[in-house]
Amino acid sequence: MMTDPISEMLARIRNAALARHESTRLPASRIKKSIAELLKAEGYLADVRSEKWGPHQHETLTLVLKYGRA
């Protein structure tokens, strides 16, 4: 089965925003980090953090969501 990691990333951001979560975490890659940094620069995300997470210390991206006025 093939998946599209970029659409999965965008779906996670959308789902976290709809659920009003503060942040979402996803597996890191160079392209996803670049897209996240672009979304931050354009004002869609508050912060992007790259960190090691879990028992095997896999690199993850933590995307801190930014909400406009309700």
PDB file of N, CA and C in Angstrom:
ATOM      1  N   MET A   1       0.840  -1.170   0.000  1.00  0.00           N
ATOM      2  CA  MET A   1       0.000   0.000   0.000  1.00  0.00           C
ATOM      3  C   MET A   1       0.891   1.242   0.000  1.00  0.00           C
ATOM      4  N   MET A   2       0.594   2.184  -0.874  1.00  0.00           N
ATOM      5  CA  MET A   2       1.348   3.427  -0.929  1.00  0.00           C
ATOM      6  C   MET A   2       0.531   4.543  -0.279  1.00  0.00           C
ATOM      7  N   THR A   3       1.229   5.388   0.436  1.00  0.00           N
ATOM      8  CA  THR A   3       0.576   6.538   1.038  1.00  0.00           C
ATOM      9  C   THR A   3       1.302   7.795   0.583  1.00  0.00           C
ATOM     10  N   ASP A   4       0.632   8.899   0.695  1.00  0.00           N
ATOM     11  CA  ASP A   4       1.199  10.188   0.337  1.00  0.00           C
ATOM     12  C   ASP A   4       1.539  10.930   1.626  1.00  0.00           C
ATOM     13  N   PRO A   5       2.824  11.039   1.975  1.00  0.00           N
ATOM     14  CA  PRO A   5       3.181  11.650   3.261  1.00  0.00           C
ATOM     15  C   PRO A   5       2.809  13.126   3.368  1.00  0.00           C
ATOM     16  N   ILE A   6       2.787  13.847   2.263  1.00  0.00           N
ATOM     17  CA  ILE A   6       2.437  15.266   2.321  1.00  0.00           C
ATOM     18  C   ILE A   6       0.946  15.437   2.609  1.00  0.00           C
ATOM     19  N   SER A   7       0.102  14.668   1.925  1.00  0.00           N
ATOM     20  CA  SER A   7      -1.338  14.779   2.199  1.00  0.00           C
ATOM     21  C   SER A   7      -1.650  14.296   3.611  1.00  0.00           C
ATOM     22  N   GLU A   8      -0.916  13.301   4.099  1.00  0.00           N
ATOM     23  CA  GLU A   8      -1.115  12.842   5.469  1.00  0.00           C
ATOM     24  C   GLU A   8      -0.742  13.955   6.460  1.00  0.00           C
ATOM     25  N   MET A   9       0.344  14.660   6.181  1.00  0.00           N
ATOM     26  CA  MET A   9       0.763  15.783   7.032  1.00  0.00           C
ATOM     27  C   MET A   9      -0.319  16.860   7.073  1.00  0.00           C
ATOM     28  N   LEU A  10      -0.816  17.242   5.908  1.00  0.00           N
ATOM     29  CA  LEU A  10      -1.849  18.283   5.837  1.00  0.00           C
ATOM     30  C   LEU A  10      -3.140  17.832   6.518  1.00  0.00           C
ATOM     31  N   ALA A  11      -3.472  16.550   6.396  1.00  0.00           N
ATOM     32  CA  ALA A  11      -4.665  16.020   7.062  1.00  0.00           C
ATOM     33  C   ALA A  11      -4.502  16.072   8.582  1.00  0.00           C
ATOM     34  N   ARG A  12      -3.303  15.767   9.069  1.00  0.00           N
ATOM     35  CA  ARG A  12      -3.064  15.841  10.521  1.00  0.00           C
ATOM     36  C   ARG A  12      -3.206  17.271  11.024  1.00  0.00           C
ATOM     37  N   ILE A  13      -2.681  18.224  10.250  1.00  0.00           N
ATOM     38  CA  ILE A  13      -2.812  19.632  10.646  1.00  0.00           C
ATOM     39  C   ILE A  13      -4.279  20.034  10.664  1.00  0.00           C
ATOM     40  N   ARG A  14      -5.020  19.673   9.610  1.00  0.00           N
ATOM     41  CA  ARG A  14      -6.441  20.014   9.530  1.00  0.00           C
ATOM     42  C   ARG A  14      -7.219  19.383  10.692  1.00  0.00           C
ATOM     43  N   ASN A  15      -6.987  18.098  10.950  1.00  0.00           N
ATOM     44  CA  ASN A  15      -7.716  17.408  12.013  1.00  0.00           C
ATOM     45  C   ASN A  15      -7.391  17.993  13.386  1.00  0.00           C
ATOM     46  N   ALA A  16      -6.123  18.327  13.623  1.00  0.00           N
ATOM     47  CA  ALA A  16      -5.744  18.926  14.907  1.00  0.00           C
ATOM     48  C   ALA A  16      -6.386  20.300  15.068  1.00  0.00           C
ATOM     49  N   ALA A  17      -6.440  21.061  13.981  1.00  0.00           N
ATOM     50  CA  ALA A  17      -7.058  22.390  14.038  1.00  0.00           C
ATOM     51  C   ALA A  17      -8.558  22.277  14.304  1.00  0.00           C
ATOM     52  N   LEU A  18      -9.224  21.349  13.646  1.00  0.00           N
ATOM     53  CA  LEU A  18     -10.663  21.168  13.860  1.00  0.00           C
ATOM     54  C   LEU A  18     -10.969  20.736  15.289  1.00  0.00           C
ATOM     55  N   ALA A  19     -10.065  19.957  15.877  1.00  0.00           N
ATOM     56  CA  ALA A  19     -10.247  19.503  17.256  1.00  0.00           C
ATOM     57  C   ALA A  19      -9.705  20.518  18.259  1.00  0.00           C
ATOM     58  N   ARG A  20      -9.182  21.655  17.747  1.00  0.00           N
ATOM     59  CA  ARG A  20      -8.629  22.736  18.563  1.00  0.00           C
ATOM     60  C   ARG A  20      -7.481  22.256  19.458  1.00  0.00           C
ATOM     61  N   HIS A  21      -6.656  21.342  18.943  1.00  0.00           N
ATOM     62  CA  HIS A  21      -5.476  20.910  19.679  1.00  0.00           C
ATOM     63  C   HIS A  21      -4.414  21.999  19.595  1.00  0.00           C
ATOM     64  N   GLU A  22      -3.557  22.050  20.589  1.00  0.00           N
ATOM     65  CA  GLU A  22      -2.486  23.043  20.611  1.00  0.00           C
ATOM     66  C   GLU A  22      -1.403  22.703  19.582  1.00  0.00           C
ATOM     67  N   SER A  23      -1.147  21.394  19.405  1.00  0.00           N
ATOM     68  CA  SER A  23      -0.086  20.975  18.488  1.00  0.00           C
ATOM     69  C   SER A  23      -0.393  19.590  17.950  1.00  0.00           C
ATOM     70  N   THR A  24       0.397  19.190  16.964  1.00  0.00           N
ATOM     71  CA  THR A  24       0.313  17.842  16.430  1.00  0.00           C
ATOM     72  C   THR A  24       1.726  17.362  16.147  1.00  0.00           C
ATOM     73  N   ARG A  25       1.936  16.052  16.233  1.00  0.00           N
ATOM     74  CA  ARG A  25       3.261  15.470  16.025  1.00  0.00           C
ATOM     75  C   ARG A  25       3.188  14.489  14.864  1.00  0.00           C
ATOM     76  N   LEU A  26       4.234  14.489  14.019  1.00  0.00           N
ATOM     77  CA  LEU A  26       4.276  13.585  12.883  1.00  0.00           C
ATOM     78  C   LEU A  26       5.713  13.194  12.582  1.00  0.00           C
ATOM     79  N   PRO A  27       5.910  12.074  11.883  1.00  0.00           N
ATOM     80  CA  PRO A  27       7.269  11.655  11.522  1.00  0.00           C
ATOM     81  C   PRO A  27       7.941  12.720  10.653  1.00  0.00           C
ATOM     82  N   ALA A  28       9.218  12.950  10.898  1.00  0.00           N
ATOM     83  CA  ALA A  28       9.944  14.011  10.197  1.00  0.00           C
ATOM     84  C   ALA A  28      10.548  13.524   8.880  1.00  0.00           C
ATOM     85  N   SER A  29      10.631  14.447   7.940  1.00  0.00           N
ATOM     86  CA  SER A  29      11.406  14.270   6.714  1.00  0.00           C
ATOM     87  C   SER A  29      11.830  15.672   6.287  1.00  0.00           C
ATOM     88  N   ARG A  30      12.798  15.749   5.391  1.00  0.00           N
ATOM     89  CA  ARG A  30      13.261  17.065   4.956  1.00  0.00           C
ATOM     90  C   ARG A  30      12.150  17.845   4.262  1.00  0.00           C
ATOM     91  N   ILE A  31      11.377  17.187   3.411  1.00  0.00           N
ATOM     92  CA  ILE A  31      10.324  17.899   2.668  1.00  0.00           C
ATOM     93  C   ILE A  31       9.218  18.366   3.609  1.00  0.00           C
ATOM     94  N   LYS A  32       8.831  17.530   4.576  1.00  0.00           N
ATOM     95  CA  LYS A  32       7.788  17.935   5.520  1.00  0.00           C
ATOM     96  C   LYS A  32       8.269  19.089   6.398  1.00  0.00           C
ATOM     97  N   LYS A  33       9.538  19.063   6.795  1.00  0.00           N
ATOM     98  CA  LYS A  33      10.076  20.160   7.592  1.00  0.00           C
ATOM     99  C   LYS A  33      10.079  21.450   6.769  1.00  0.00           C
ATOM    100  N   SER A  34      10.445  21.368   5.497  1.00  0.00           N
ATOM    101  CA  SER A  34      10.446  22.559   4.633  1.00  0.00           C
ATOM    102  C   SER A  34       9.043  23.121   4.466  1.00  0.00           C
ATOM    103  N   ILE A  35       8.067  22.254   4.264  1.00  0.00           N
ATOM    104  CA  ILE A  35       6.676  22.696   4.125  1.00  0.00           C
ATOM    105  C   ILE A  35       6.189  23.334   5.424  1.00  0.00           C
ATOM    106  N   ALA A  36       6.526  22.717   6.556  1.00  0.00           N
ATOM    107  CA  ALA A  36       6.114  23.259   7.850  1.00  0.00           C
ATOM    108  C   ALA A  36       6.741  24.630   8.091  1.00  0.00           C
ATOM    109  N   GLU A  37       8.008  24.790   7.731  1.00  0.00           N
ATOM    110  CA  GLU A  37       8.667  26.088   7.893  1.00  0.00           C
ATOM    111  C   GLU A  37       8.012  27.143   6.996  1.00  0.00           C
ATOM    112  N   LEU A  38       7.602  26.753   5.803  1.00  0.00           N
ATOM    113  CA  LEU A  38       6.899  27.664   4.905  1.00  0.00           C
ATOM    114  C   LEU A  38       5.550  28.066   5.500  1.00  0.00           C
ATOM    115  N   LEU A  39       4.811  27.095   6.042  1.00  0.00           N
ATOM    116  CA  LEU A  39       3.526  27.400   6.682  1.00  0.00           C
ATOM    117  C   LEU A  39       3.716  28.329   7.880  1.00  0.00           C
ATOM    118  N   LYS A  40       4.810  28.159   8.607  1.00  0.00           N
ATOM    119  CA  LYS A  40       5.108  29.053   9.736  1.00  0.00           C
ATOM    120  C   LYS A  40       5.424  30.460   9.218  1.00  0.00           C
ATOM    121  N   ALA A  41       6.241  30.551   8.185  1.00  0.00           N
ATOM    122  CA  ALA A  41       6.609  31.864   7.633  1.00  0.00           C
ATOM    123  C   ALA A  41       5.388  32.608   7.096  1.00  0.00           C
ATOM    124  N   GLU A  42       4.416  31.873   6.578  1.00  0.00           N
ATOM    125  CA  GLU A  42       3.203  32.487   6.031  1.00  0.00           C
ATOM    126  C   GLU A  42       2.142  32.742   7.100  1.00  0.00           C
ATOM    127  N   GLY A  43       2.418  32.355   8.347  1.00  0.00           N
ATOM    128  CA  GLY A  43       1.510  32.659   9.442  1.00  0.00           C
ATOM    129  C   GLY A  43       0.468  31.602   9.754  1.00  0.00           C
ATOM    130  N   TYR A  44       0.589  30.415   9.170  1.00  0.00           N
ATOM    131  CA  TYR A  44      -0.388  29.353   9.428  1.00  0.00           C
ATOM    132  C   TYR A  44      -0.046  28.506  10.649  1.00  0.00           C
ATOM    133  N   LEU A  45       1.233  28.459  11.017  1.00  0.00           N
ATOM    134  CA  LEU A  45       1.668  27.722  12.195  1.00  0.00           C
ATOM    135  C   LEU A  45       2.391  28.680  13.135  1.00  0.00           C
ATOM    136  N   ALA A  46       2.271  28.429  14.439  1.00  0.00           N
ATOM    137  CA  ALA A  46       2.959  29.262  15.425  1.00  0.00           C
ATOM    138  C   ALA A  46       4.415  28.847  15.583  1.00  0.00           C
ATOM    139  N   ASP A  47       4.705  27.535  15.512  1.00  0.00           N
ATOM    140  CA  ASP A  47       6.075  27.064  15.695  1.00  0.00           C
ATOM    141  C   ASP A  47       6.235  25.684  15.070  1.00  0.00           C
ATOM    142  N   VAL A  48       7.473  25.379  14.717  1.00  0.00           N
ATOM    143  CA  VAL A  48       7.837  24.066  14.185  1.00  0.00           C
ATOM    144  C   VAL A  48       9.041  23.595  14.983  1.00  0.00           C
ATOM    145  N   ARG A  49       8.925  22.427  15.595  1.00  0.00           N
ATOM    146  CA  ARG A  49      10.029  21.874  16.383  1.00  0.00           C
ATOM    147  C   ARG A  49      10.397  20.498  15.856  1.00  0.00           C
ATOM    148  N   SER A  50      11.675  20.266  15.741  1.00  0.00           N
ATOM    149  CA  SER A  50      12.181  18.951  15.347  1.00  0.00           C
ATOM    150  C   SER A  50      12.791  18.331  16.593  1.00  0.00           C
ATOM    151  N   GLU A  51      12.367  17.115  16.922  1.00  0.00           N
ATOM    152  CA  GLU A  51      12.861  16.490  18.144  1.00  0.00           C
ATOM    153  C   GLU A  51      12.900  14.977  17.993  1.00  0.00           C
ATOM    154  N   LYS A  52      13.684  14.363  18.854  1.00  0.00           N
ATOM    155  CA  LYS A  52      13.724  12.901  18.931  1.00  0.00           C
ATOM    156  C   LYS A  52      12.627  12.482  19.897  1.00  0.00           C
ATOM    157  N   TRP A  53      11.890  11.422  19.559  1.00  0.00           N
ATOM    158  CA  TRP A  53      10.755  11.030  20.376  1.00  0.00           C
ATOM    159  C   TRP A  53      10.595   9.523  20.345  1.00  0.00           C
ATOM    160  N   GLY A  54      10.129   8.968  21.421  1.00  0.00           N
ATOM    161  CA  GLY A  54       9.823   7.550  21.494  1.00  0.00           C
ATOM    162  C   GLY A  54      11.011   6.715  21.939  1.00  0.00           C
ATOM    163  N   PRO A  55      10.760   5.431  22.134  1.00  0.00           N
ATOM    164  CA  PRO A  55      11.814   4.545  22.651  1.00  0.00           C
ATOM    165  C   PRO A  55      12.995   4.373  21.688  1.00  0.00           C
ATOM    166  N   HIS A  56      12.755   4.516  20.401  1.00  0.00           N
ATOM    167  CA  HIS A  56      13.830   4.354  19.423  1.00  0.00           C
ATOM    168  C   HIS A  56      14.389   5.681  18.946  1.00  0.00           C
ATOM    169  N   GLN A  57      13.913   6.765  19.558  1.00  0.00           N
ATOM    170  CA  GLN A  57      14.405   8.107  19.265  1.00  0.00           C
ATOM    171  C   GLN A  57      14.307   8.472  17.783  1.00  0.00           C
ATOM    172  N   HIS A  58      13.134   8.214  17.194  1.00  0.00           N
ATOM    173  CA  HIS A  58      12.876   8.632  15.823  1.00  0.00           C
ATOM    174  C   HIS A  58      12.677  10.138  15.796  1.00  0.00           C
ATOM    175  N   GLU A  59      13.116  10.769  14.717  1.00  0.00           N
ATOM    176  CA  GLU A  59      12.928  12.211  14.602  1.00  0.00           C
ATOM    177  C   GLU A  59      11.478  12.505  14.253  1.00  0.00           C
ATOM    178  N   THR A  60      10.914  13.460  14.978  1.00  0.00           N
ATOM    179  CA  THR A  60       9.536  13.871  14.726  1.00  0.00           C
ATOM    180  C   THR A  60       9.480  15.386  14.583  1.00  0.00           C
ATOM    181  N   LEU A  61       8.410  15.840  13.960  1.00  0.00           N
ATOM    182  CA  LEU A  61       8.113  17.260  13.880  1.00  0.00           C
ATOM    183  C   LEU A  61       6.921  17.532  14.789  1.00  0.00           C
ATOM    184  N   THR A  62       7.050  18.523  15.613  1.00  0.00           N
ATOM    185  CA  THR A  62       5.920  18.991  16.411  1.00  0.00           C
ATOM    186  C   THR A  62       5.509  20.327  15.831  1.00  0.00           C
ATOM    187  N   LEU A  63       4.281  20.394  15.364  1.00  0.00           N
ATOM    188  CA  LEU A  63       3.747  21.602  14.754  1.00  0.00           C
ATOM    189  C   LEU A  63       2.797  22.253  15.733  1.00  0.00           C
ATOM    190  N   VAL A  64       3.132  23.455  16.162  1.00  0.00           N
ATOM    191  CA  VAL A  64       2.287  24.199  17.096  1.00  0.00           C
ATOM    192  C   VAL A  64       1.322  25.032  16.257  1.00  0.00           C
ATOM    193  N   LEU A  65       0.033  24.796  16.468  1.00  0.00           N
ATOM    194  CA  LEU A  65      -0.992  25.430  15.657  1.00  0.00           C
ATOM    195  C   LEU A  65      -1.241  26.855  16.091  1.00  0.00           C
ATOM    196  N   LYS A  66      -1.680  27.649  15.157  1.00  0.00           N
ATOM    197  CA  LYS A  66      -1.970  29.058  15.391  1.00  0.00           C
ATOM    198  C   LYS A  66      -3.433  29.298  15.018  1.00  0.00           C
ATOM    199  N   TYR A  67      -4.174  29.920  15.898  1.00  0.00           N
ATOM    200  CA  TYR A  67      -5.590  30.169  15.650  1.00  0.00           C
ATOM    201  C   TYR A  67      -5.832  31.656  15.506  1.00  0.00           C
ATOM    202  N   GLY A  68      -6.661  31.996  14.540  1.00  0.00           N
ATOM    203  CA  GLY A  68      -7.076  33.387  14.391  1.00  0.00           C
ATOM    204  C   GLY A  68      -8.178  33.709  15.368  1.00  0.00           C
ATOM    205  N   ARG A  69      -8.679  34.929  15.258  1.00  0.00           N
ATOM    206  CA  ARG A  69      -9.786  35.322  16.145  1.00  0.00           C
ATOM    207  C   ARG A  69     -11.047  34.562  15.764  1.00  0.00           C
ATOM    208  N   ALA A  70     -11.754  34.081  16.771  1.00  0.00           N
ATOM    209  CA  ALA A  70     -12.974  33.303  16.529  1.00  0.00           C
ATOM    210  C   ALA A  70     -14.146  34.180  16.221  1.00  0.00           C
TER     211      ALA A  70
END
